[in-house]
Protein backbone atom coordinates (compact mmCIF):
# COMPACT_ATOMS: atom_id res chain seq x y z
CA MET A 1 -0.26 -0.15 0.03
CA PRO A 2 1.39 3.18 -1.47
CA ALA A 3 2.14 5.95 1.42
CA ARG A 4 -0.95 8.68 2.14
CA ILE A 5 1.24 12.06 1.77
CA LEU A 6 -0.14 15.77 3.37
CA ILE A 7 0.88 18.75 0.93
CA ALA A 8 0.25 21.86 3.23
CA GLU A 9 1.29 24.74 0.31
CA ASP A 10 -0.57 28.06 0.07
CA HIS A 11 0.92 28.84 -3.74
CA PRO A 12 -1.83 27.33 -5.80
CA SER A 13 0.65 26.25 -8.79
CA SER A 14 3.02 24.62 -6.10
CA ARG A 15 1.22 22.59 -4.66
CA GLU A 16 -0.75 21.05 -8.12
CA LEU A 17 2.86 20.39 -8.97
CA LEU A 18 3.55 18.63 -6.09
CA VAL A 19 -0.03 16.78 -6.12
CA TYR A 20 0.80 15.67 -9.70
CA LEU A 21 4.18 14.15 -9.66
CA LEU A 22 3.56 12.26 -6.09
CA GLU A 23 0.12 10.59 -7.47
CA ALA A 24 2.09 9.99 -11.23
CA ALA A 25 4.13 7.79 -8.67
CA GLY A 26 1.24 5.75 -6.70
CA TYR A 27 1.04 7.68 -3.67
CA VAL A 28 -2.35 9.13 -1.93
CA VAL A 29 -2.36 12.46 -2.13
CA HIS A 30 -4.37 14.96 0.11
CA SER A 31 -3.58 19.29 -0.26
CA VAL A 32 -5.02 22.19 2.16
CA ASP A 33 -3.72 25.94 1.83
CA ASP A 34 -2.91 26.85 4.95
CA GLY A 35 -1.61 25.73 8.02
CA ALA A 36 -4.47 25.23 10.21
CA ALA A 37 -6.43 22.82 7.83
CA ALA A 38 -2.96 20.83 7.62
CA LEU A 39 -3.38 20.39 11.43
CA GLN A 40 -7.12 19.15 10.94
CA ALA A 41 -6.19 17.02 7.78
CA ILE A 42 -3.59 15.24 9.86
CA ARG A 43 -5.72 14.54 12.35
CA GLU A 44 -8.20 12.88 10.04
CA ILE A 45 -6.75 11.33 7.45
CA LYS A 46 -2.87 10.38 9.61
CA PRO A 47 -0.72 10.84 6.73
CA ASN A 48 2.47 8.93 6.26
CA LEU A 49 4.60 11.80 5.40
CA VAL A 50 3.72 15.79 5.51
CA ILE A 51 5.38 18.47 2.93
CA CYS A 52 4.69 21.31 4.66
CA ASP A 53 4.74 25.36 3.20
CA LEU A 54 6.67 27.48 5.46
CA GLN A 55 5.00 30.31 4.90
CA MET A 56 0.90 29.61 4.62
CA PRO A 57 -1.83 31.96 6.34
CA GLU A 58 -3.68 30.95 9.67
CA LEU A 59 -0.51 28.81 10.94
CA ASP A 60 3.03 28.65 9.15
CA GLY A 61 5.36 26.32 8.67
CA TYR A 62 7.31 26.40 11.77
CA GLY A 63 3.42 26.39 13.67
CA VAL A 64 2.56 23.30 12.18
CA LEU A 65 5.86 21.17 12.90
CA ARG A 66 5.33 22.58 16.77
CA ALA A 67 2.00 21.48 17.05
CA LEU A 68 2.80 17.88 15.65
CA ARG A 69 5.96 17.09 17.52
CA ALA A 70 4.25 18.34 20.72
CA ASP A 71 1.71 15.35 20.07
CA PRO A 72 2.98 11.73 20.72
CA ASP A 73 0.07 10.84 18.01
CA PHE A 74 2.42 12.73 15.28
CA ALA A 75 5.76 13.85 16.85
CA SER A 76 8.09 11.17 14.69
CA LEU A 77 5.65 12.09 11.63
CA PRO A 78 8.36 13.07 9.07
CA VAL A 79 7.96 16.99 7.66
CA LEU A 80 9.28 18.52 4.77
CA ALA A 81 9.94 21.69 4.55
CA VAL A 82 9.63 23.22 0.78
CA THR A 83 10.50 27.06 0.41
CA ALA A 84 11.15 29.41 -1.15
CA PHE A 85 13.82 30.30 1.58
CA SER A 86 16.92 29.29 0.27
CA MET A 87 19.76 31.83 1.42
CA LEU A 88 22.67 31.21 2.92
CA GLY A 89 21.27 29.44 6.65
CA ASP A 90 18.02 29.23 5.39
CA ARG A 91 18.82 25.34 5.58
CA GLU A 92 20.32 24.69 9.00
CA THR A 93 17.52 27.37 10.44
CA VAL A 94 14.90 25.17 8.97
CA MET A 95 16.65 21.67 9.71
CA SER A 96 17.42 23.31 13.49
CA ALA A 97 13.72 23.64 14.03
CA GLY A 98 12.89 20.39 13.12
CA PHE A 99 11.80 19.35 10.06
CA THR A 100 12.54 16.00 8.53
CA ALA A 101 14.53 17.53 5.27
CA TYR A 102 14.90 20.99 3.17
CA PHE A 103 13.10 21.60 0.11
CA SER A 104 13.68 24.74 -2.04
CA LYS A 105 11.60 26.39 -4.55
CA PRO A 106 11.26 25.42 -7.74
CA ILE A 107 11.79 22.07 -6.81
CA ASP A 108 13.02 19.31 -8.85
CA PRO A 109 10.42 17.52 -10.59
CA GLU A 110 12.92 15.06 -11.70
CA THR A 111 13.93 14.08 -8.08
CA PHE A 112 11.60 15.26 -6.21
CA VAL A 113 9.80 11.99 -5.85
CA ASP A 114 12.58 10.09 -4.84
CA GLU A 115 13.90 12.71 -2.31
CA MET A 116 10.55 12.78 -0.52
CA ALA A 117 10.28 9.14 -1.10
CA SER A 118 13.95 8.44 0.81
CA HIS A 119 11.93 9.72 4.07
CA LEU A 120 9.59 6.77 3.81
CA PRO A 121 9.56 2.98 4.92
CA ALA A 122 9.64 0.24 1.88
CA HIS A 123 6.92 -0.45 2.04
CA LEU A 124 5.20 2.16 1.97
CA LEU A 125 6.83 3.55 -1.86
CA GLY A 126 4.66 4.15 -4.44
CA THR A 127 4.60 2.35 -7.77
CA ARG A 128 5.53 4.20 -10.52
CA PRO A 129 3.68 3.31 -13.44
CA ASN A 130 6.75 3.39 -16.44
CA SER A 131 9.65 2.39 -13.89
CA GLN A 132 11.03 -1.10 -13.59
């Protein structure tokens, strides 16, 4: 069974690209456009991994991460930061906050899915229709 992935991203075209790439790779994908909705969706669908923008309305990515790390049910949930922040030191700031991984926008569609999948157990990996 492939992983359930939640995307929390307020930029429509970025969200659509992530959904497209992950669904094409065989994952079950849910998406929301703000941090408060992300927390609600996480509690409802219990995803195996969260992809979270840092700047979102209602609650930013750091707030989402803090809430998850404080909840014993989701404290170890992999949360990947996807952000336009790509200045010197931003990766270190994001990682020291407790995110599992950091991806800067624009993401590389050729490598993103495989890099994201490295944070999932093997039994939850998607199945690409064209892979061998």
